[in-house]
Amino acid sequence: MRRGTRAYRPLRELLRDAARRFGRPIVISETGAEDPMGDEWLGYVAEESQAALDMGVELQAVCVYPILDYPGWDNGRHCPCGPIGTDAGRRFVRPGQRAALQKLGALRAPSPVR
């Protein structure tokens, strides 16, 4: 679902609604998207995760998965999808996803007001 379409809802709202519905802390367990959308998607997940925390959602973890490129399940094609890419047997960190990983590492719930 693309941002700007009628049916689109921000991830922060989906996380909030799930937390309210189930009355439990939230964990995002998969975050992957293939290139060319991988950098933008992981950055979006990081921004929306912080926004959810700012709204009071008890988001306890964001699991970055897949972390590495991998061969396709049904055809063995190269799936460029994780923060760690591969090219001719060499590994590298995708620059756009490096920035998103730093944002994810810095996620913090707001301090309670006393």
Protein backbone atom coordinates (compact mmCIF):
# COMPACT_ATOMS: atom_id res chain seq x y z
CA MET A 1 0.00 0.00 0.00
CA ARG A 2 1.52 3.31 -1.05
CA ARG A 3 1.62 6.43 1.09
CA GLY A 4 -0.85 8.96 -0.16
CA THR A 5 -3.45 6.38 -1.18
CA ARG A 6 -6.83 6.29 0.54
CA ALA A 7 -6.25 2.99 2.29
CA TYR A 8 -2.79 3.92 3.62
CA ARG A 9 -2.35 4.14 7.39
CA PRO A 10 0.95 5.06 9.02
CA LEU A 11 2.81 2.22 10.74
CA ARG A 12 2.65 4.14 14.05
CA GLU A 13 -1.16 3.94 13.98
CA LEU A 14 -1.14 0.23 13.16
CA LEU A 15 1.24 -0.40 16.07
CA ARG A 16 -0.90 1.71 18.41
CA ASP A 17 -4.09 -0.07 17.38
CA ALA A 18 -2.52 -3.52 17.82
CA ALA A 19 -1.20 -2.60 21.26
CA ARG A 20 -4.65 -1.34 22.30
CA ARG A 21 -6.44 -4.34 20.88
CA PHE A 22 -4.26 -6.97 22.52
CA GLY A 23 -3.15 -5.04 25.60
CA ARG A 24 0.38 -6.32 25.17
CA PRO A 25 3.79 -4.85 24.29
CA ILE A 26 4.65 -4.79 20.59
CA VAL A 27 7.60 -6.32 18.73
CA ILE A 28 8.19 -5.78 15.02
CA SER A 29 9.61 -9.13 13.94
CA GLU A 30 10.40 -8.62 10.24
CA THR A 31 11.36 -5.44 8.46
CA GLY A 32 12.72 -6.43 5.05
CA ALA A 33 12.06 -4.97 1.64
CA GLU A 34 13.97 -5.65 -1.55
CA ASP A 35 15.97 -3.00 -3.34
CA PRO A 36 15.32 -0.46 -4.64
CA MET A 37 12.86 0.17 -1.77
CA GLY A 38 14.97 -1.32 1.05
CA ASP A 39 16.70 1.88 2.17
CA GLU A 40 13.51 3.93 2.16
CA TRP A 41 11.49 1.19 3.87
CA LEU A 42 13.93 0.59 6.74
CA GLY A 43 14.20 4.36 7.28
CA TYR A 44 10.40 4.55 7.37
CA VAL A 45 10.22 1.72 9.92
CA ALA A 46 12.77 3.55 12.11
CA GLU A 47 10.89 6.88 11.94
CA GLU A 48 7.50 5.30 12.53
CA SER A 49 8.84 3.21 15.42
CA GLN A 50 10.05 6.35 17.18
CA ALA A 51 6.73 8.06 16.46
CA ALA A 52 4.89 5.09 17.99
CA LEU A 53 7.07 5.28 21.11
CA ASP A 54 6.35 9.02 21.31
CA MET A 55 2.61 8.17 21.21
CA GLY A 56 3.05 5.86 24.19
CA VAL A 57 3.09 2.53 22.35
CA GLU A 58 5.07 -0.04 24.33
CA LEU A 59 7.29 -1.05 21.41
CA GLN A 60 9.92 -3.33 22.91
CA ALA A 61 11.96 -4.35 19.86
CA VAL A 62 12.43 -4.05 16.13
CA CYS A 63 14.08 -7.11 14.57
CA VAL A 64 15.89 -6.28 11.34
CA TYR A 65 15.20 -9.31 9.16
CA PRO A 66 16.46 -10.31 6.75
CA ILE A 67 19.85 -8.89 7.62
CA LEU A 68 21.64 -10.28 4.53
CA ASP A 69 20.86 -10.69 0.87
CA TYR A 70 19.76 -14.24 0.11
CA PRO A 71 18.92 -16.52 -2.81
CA GLY A 72 15.25 -16.56 -3.77
CA TRP A 73 13.13 -19.28 -2.19
CA ASP A 74 11.73 -20.70 -5.39
CA ASN A 75 14.22 -19.72 -8.08
CA GLY A 76 17.61 -19.00 -6.47
CA ARG A 77 17.71 -15.45 -7.82
CA HIS A 78 19.75 -12.89 -5.86
CA CYS A 79 17.41 -11.01 -3.49
CA PRO A 80 19.04 -7.71 -2.45
CA CYS A 81 17.16 -6.94 0.72
CA GLY A 82 19.14 -6.61 3.92
CA PRO A 83 21.40 -3.93 5.33
CA ILE A 84 24.32 -6.22 4.47
CA GLY A 85 24.56 -6.74 0.74
CA THR A 86 26.70 -9.07 -1.31
CA ASP A 87 28.46 -8.43 -4.60
CA ALA A 88 30.74 -11.01 -6.21
CA GLY A 89 31.14 -12.77 -2.88
CA ARG A 90 32.04 -9.58 -0.99
CA ARG A 91 29.84 -8.13 1.73
CA PHE A 92 29.07 -4.46 2.23
CA VAL A 93 26.67 -2.37 4.29
CA ARG A 94 24.16 -0.41 2.25
CA PRO A 95 24.69 3.28 3.12
CA GLY A 96 20.98 4.16 3.29
CA GLN A 97 20.27 1.25 5.58
CA ARG A 98 23.27 2.09 7.77
CA ALA A 99 21.55 5.40 8.61
CA ALA A 100 18.29 3.58 9.38
CA LEU A 101 20.09 1.09 11.62
CA GLN A 102 21.57 4.00 13.56
CA LYS A 103 18.07 5.45 14.02
CA LEU A 104 16.77 2.08 15.19
CA GLY A 105 19.66 1.80 17.64
CA ALA A 106 18.77 5.19 19.08
CA LEU A 107 15.05 4.47 19.65
CA ARG A 108 13.95 5.67 23.06
CA ALA A 109 10.60 5.87 24.77
CA PRO A 110 9.90 9.31 26.21
CA SER A 111 10.60 9.70 29.92
CA PRO A 112 7.46 9.69 32.05
CA VAL A 113 6.36 13.13 33.21
CA ARG A 114 6.52 13.42 36.98
